[in-house]
Amino acid sequence: MCEYCGCQALETIDKLTQEHERVVTLISHVRDAHRGGEVTRMAEVARETTAVLGPHTQVEEEGLFPALAGDFPCLRAAAEPLPGAPSIRVHASGILVGSA
């Protein structure tokens, strides 16, 4: 999120922003572990990242994006499946869920 419009004054937006920053930090940790060949540490960081992104993504997809869809049509389009397309979403875990 930007730091210009004041949206971070909203508690939910501030929390989402903090979670984005946490994920960026975790990515740096997984890079360091990868450079060091620390496979176990990479897996630990991946699990920690998933623990942050699971609920984070749900808040965005079910609360934030629908609320903003009127002002940002790209969010509405991303949330709606194409006519005749299977209903499939990719969650933070990387697992495809839905029905064909």
C-alpha atoms as a PDB file:
ATOM      1  CA  MET A   1       0.000   0.000   0.000  1.00  0.00           C
ATOM      2  CA  CYS A   2       1.065   3.578  -0.496  1.00  0.00           C
ATOM      3  CA  GLU A   3       1.845   5.917   2.365  1.00  0.00           C
ATOM      4  CA  TYR A   4       0.126   8.957   0.875  1.00  0.00           C
ATOM      5  CA  CYS A   5      -3.632   8.538   1.067  1.00  0.00           C
ATOM      6  CA  GLY A   6      -3.948   7.924   4.789  1.00  0.00           C
ATOM      7  CA  CYS A   7      -5.525   4.477   4.415  1.00  0.00           C
ATOM      8  CA  GLN A   8      -3.035   3.023   6.879  1.00  0.00           C
ATOM      9  CA  ALA A   9      -4.837   4.955   9.595  1.00  0.00           C
ATOM     10  CA  LEU A  10      -7.537   2.278   9.264  1.00  0.00           C
ATOM     11  CA  GLU A  11      -6.721  -0.574  11.627  1.00  0.00           C
ATOM     12  CA  THR A  12      -7.381  -3.334   9.083  1.00  0.00           C
ATOM     13  CA  ILE A  13      -5.288  -1.682   6.367  1.00  0.00           C
ATOM     14  CA  ASP A  14      -2.478  -1.054   8.852  1.00  0.00           C
ATOM     15  CA  LYS A  15      -2.541  -4.725   9.871  1.00  0.00           C
ATOM     16  CA  LEU A  16      -2.497  -5.888   6.247  1.00  0.00           C
ATOM     17  CA  THR A  17       0.440  -3.559   5.558  1.00  0.00           C
ATOM     18  CA  GLN A  18       2.334  -4.947   8.537  1.00  0.00           C
ATOM     19  CA  GLU A  19       1.675  -8.457   7.258  1.00  0.00           C
ATOM     20  CA  HIS A  20       3.023  -7.487   3.808  1.00  0.00           C
ATOM     21  CA  GLU A  21       6.175  -6.211   5.503  1.00  0.00           C
ATOM     22  CA  ARG A  22       6.451  -9.427   7.539  1.00  0.00           C
ATOM     23  CA  VAL A  23       6.256 -11.520   4.373  1.00  0.00           C
ATOM     24  CA  VAL A  24       8.966  -9.419   2.699  1.00  0.00           C
ATOM     25  CA  THR A  25      11.175 -10.037   5.741  1.00  0.00           C
ATOM     26  CA  LEU A  26      10.435 -13.762   5.628  1.00  0.00           C
ATOM     27  CA  ILE A  27      11.358 -13.854   1.944  1.00  0.00           C
ATOM     28  CA  SER A  28      14.757 -12.427   2.836  1.00  0.00           C
ATOM     29  CA  HIS A  29      15.156 -15.182   5.449  1.00  0.00           C
ATOM     30  CA  VAL A  30      14.326 -17.915   2.962  1.00  0.00           C
ATOM     31  CA  ARG A  31      16.825 -16.414   0.486  1.00  0.00           C
ATOM     32  CA  ASP A  32      19.532 -16.496   3.159  1.00  0.00           C
ATOM     33  CA  ALA A  33      18.660 -20.086   4.039  1.00  0.00           C
ATOM     34  CA  HIS A  34      18.733 -21.033   0.350  1.00  0.00           C
ATOM     35  CA  ARG A  35      22.180 -19.490  -0.108  1.00  0.00           C
ATOM     36  CA  GLY A  36      23.384 -21.482   2.884  1.00  0.00           C
ATOM     37  CA  GLY A  37      21.796 -24.710   1.679  1.00  0.00           C
ATOM     38  CA  GLU A  38      19.639 -24.848   4.828  1.00  0.00           C
ATOM     39  CA  VAL A  39      16.704 -26.872   3.540  1.00  0.00           C
ATOM     40  CA  THR A  40      15.127 -27.337   6.969  1.00  0.00           C
ATOM     41  CA  ARG A  41      15.240 -23.596   7.624  1.00  0.00           C
ATOM     42  CA  MET A  42      13.716 -22.894   4.193  1.00  0.00           C
ATOM     43  CA  ALA A  43      10.820 -25.204   5.064  1.00  0.00           C
ATOM     44  CA  GLU A  44      10.366 -23.533   8.468  1.00  0.00           C
ATOM     45  CA  VAL A  45      10.224 -20.084   6.866  1.00  0.00           C
ATOM     46  CA  ALA A  46       7.806 -21.337   4.189  1.00  0.00           C
ATOM     47  CA  ARG A  47       5.476 -22.613   6.924  1.00  0.00           C
ATOM     48  CA  GLU A  48       5.747 -19.306   8.779  1.00  0.00           C
ATOM     49  CA  THR A  49       4.973 -17.422   5.562  1.00  0.00           C
ATOM     50  CA  THR A  50       1.926 -19.607   4.947  1.00  0.00           C
ATOM     51  CA  ALA A  51       0.735 -18.934   8.509  1.00  0.00           C
ATOM     52  CA  VAL A  52       0.805 -15.195   7.752  1.00  0.00           C
ATOM     53  CA  LEU A  53      -0.596 -15.378   4.226  1.00  0.00           C
ATOM     54  CA  GLY A  54      -3.487 -17.780   4.899  1.00  0.00           C
ATOM     55  CA  PRO A  55      -5.595 -15.447   7.043  1.00  0.00           C
ATOM     56  CA  HIS A  56      -4.171 -12.370   5.286  1.00  0.00           C
ATOM     57  CA  THR A  57      -5.363 -13.567   1.885  1.00  0.00           C
ATOM     58  CA  GLN A  58      -8.788 -14.429   3.276  1.00  0.00           C
ATOM     59  CA  VAL A  59      -9.211 -10.886   4.657  1.00  0.00           C
ATOM     60  CA  GLU A  60      -8.189  -9.410   1.311  1.00  0.00           C
ATOM     61  CA  GLU A  61     -10.334 -11.706  -0.852  1.00  0.00           C
ATOM     62  CA  GLU A  62     -13.449 -11.721   1.313  1.00  0.00           C
ATOM     63  CA  GLY A  63     -13.374  -8.238   2.813  1.00  0.00           C
ATOM     64  CA  LEU A  64     -11.035  -5.721   1.253  1.00  0.00           C
ATOM     65  CA  PHE A  65     -11.269  -6.569  -2.444  1.00  0.00           C
ATOM     66  CA  PRO A  66     -15.086  -6.720  -2.575  1.00  0.00           C
ATOM     67  CA  ALA A  67     -15.263  -3.399  -0.706  1.00  0.00           C
ATOM     68  CA  LEU A  68     -12.896  -1.782  -3.228  1.00  0.00           C
ATOM     69  CA  ALA A  69     -14.284  -3.443  -6.374  1.00  0.00           C
ATOM     70  CA  GLY A  70     -16.551  -0.500  -7.202  1.00  0.00           C
ATOM     71  CA  ASP A  71     -13.568   1.845  -7.401  1.00  0.00           C
ATOM     72  CA  PHE A  72     -11.111  -0.702  -8.822  1.00  0.00           C
ATOM     73  CA  PRO A  73     -12.762  -2.890 -11.497  1.00  0.00           C
ATOM     74  CA  CYS A  74      -9.635  -5.035 -11.785  1.00  0.00           C
ATOM     75  CA  LEU A  75     -10.355  -6.371  -8.295  1.00  0.00           C
ATOM     76  CA  ARG A  76     -13.904  -7.287  -9.280  1.00  0.00           C
ATOM     77  CA  ALA A  77     -12.675  -8.971 -12.450  1.00  0.00           C
ATOM     78  CA  ALA A  78     -10.052 -10.935 -10.519  1.00  0.00           C
ATOM     79  CA  ALA A  79     -12.681 -12.183  -8.064  1.00  0.00           C
ATOM     80  CA  GLU A  80     -15.196 -13.299 -10.690  1.00  0.00           C
ATOM     81  CA  PRO A  81     -14.581 -16.414 -12.787  1.00  0.00           C
ATOM     82  CA  LEU A  82     -14.904 -16.179 -16.543  1.00  0.00           C
ATOM     83  CA  PRO A  83     -18.225 -17.456 -17.909  1.00  0.00           C
ATOM     84  CA  GLY A  84     -17.998 -21.217 -18.329  1.00  0.00           C
ATOM     85  CA  ALA A  85     -14.627 -21.406 -16.587  1.00  0.00           C
ATOM     86  CA  PRO A  86     -14.116 -23.733 -13.641  1.00  0.00           C
ATOM     87  CA  SER A  87     -14.333 -22.111 -10.226  1.00  0.00           C
ATOM     88  CA  ILE A  88     -10.768 -22.450  -9.014  1.00  0.00           C
ATOM     89  CA  ARG A  89      -8.754 -20.231  -6.696  1.00  0.00           C
ATOM     90  CA  VAL A  90      -5.139 -20.413  -5.652  1.00  0.00           C
ATOM     91  CA  HIS A  91      -4.709 -19.915  -1.943  1.00  0.00           C
ATOM     92  CA  ALA A  92      -1.574 -18.705  -0.191  1.00  0.00           C
ATOM     93  CA  SER A  93      -0.679 -22.337   0.469  1.00  0.00           C
ATOM     94  CA  GLY A  94      -0.346 -22.816  -3.285  1.00  0.00           C
ATOM     95  CA  ILE A  95      -3.160 -25.363  -3.296  1.00  0.00           C
ATOM     96  CA  LEU A  96      -5.781 -25.113  -6.002  1.00  0.00           C
ATOM     97  CA  VAL A  97      -9.270 -25.356  -4.575  1.00  0.00           C
ATOM     98  CA  GLY A  98     -12.683 -25.231  -6.146  1.00  0.00           C
ATOM     99  CA  SER A  99     -14.746 -27.203  -8.571  1.00  0.00           C
ATOM    100  CA  ALA A 100     -14.524 -27.777 -12.274  1.00  0.00           C
END
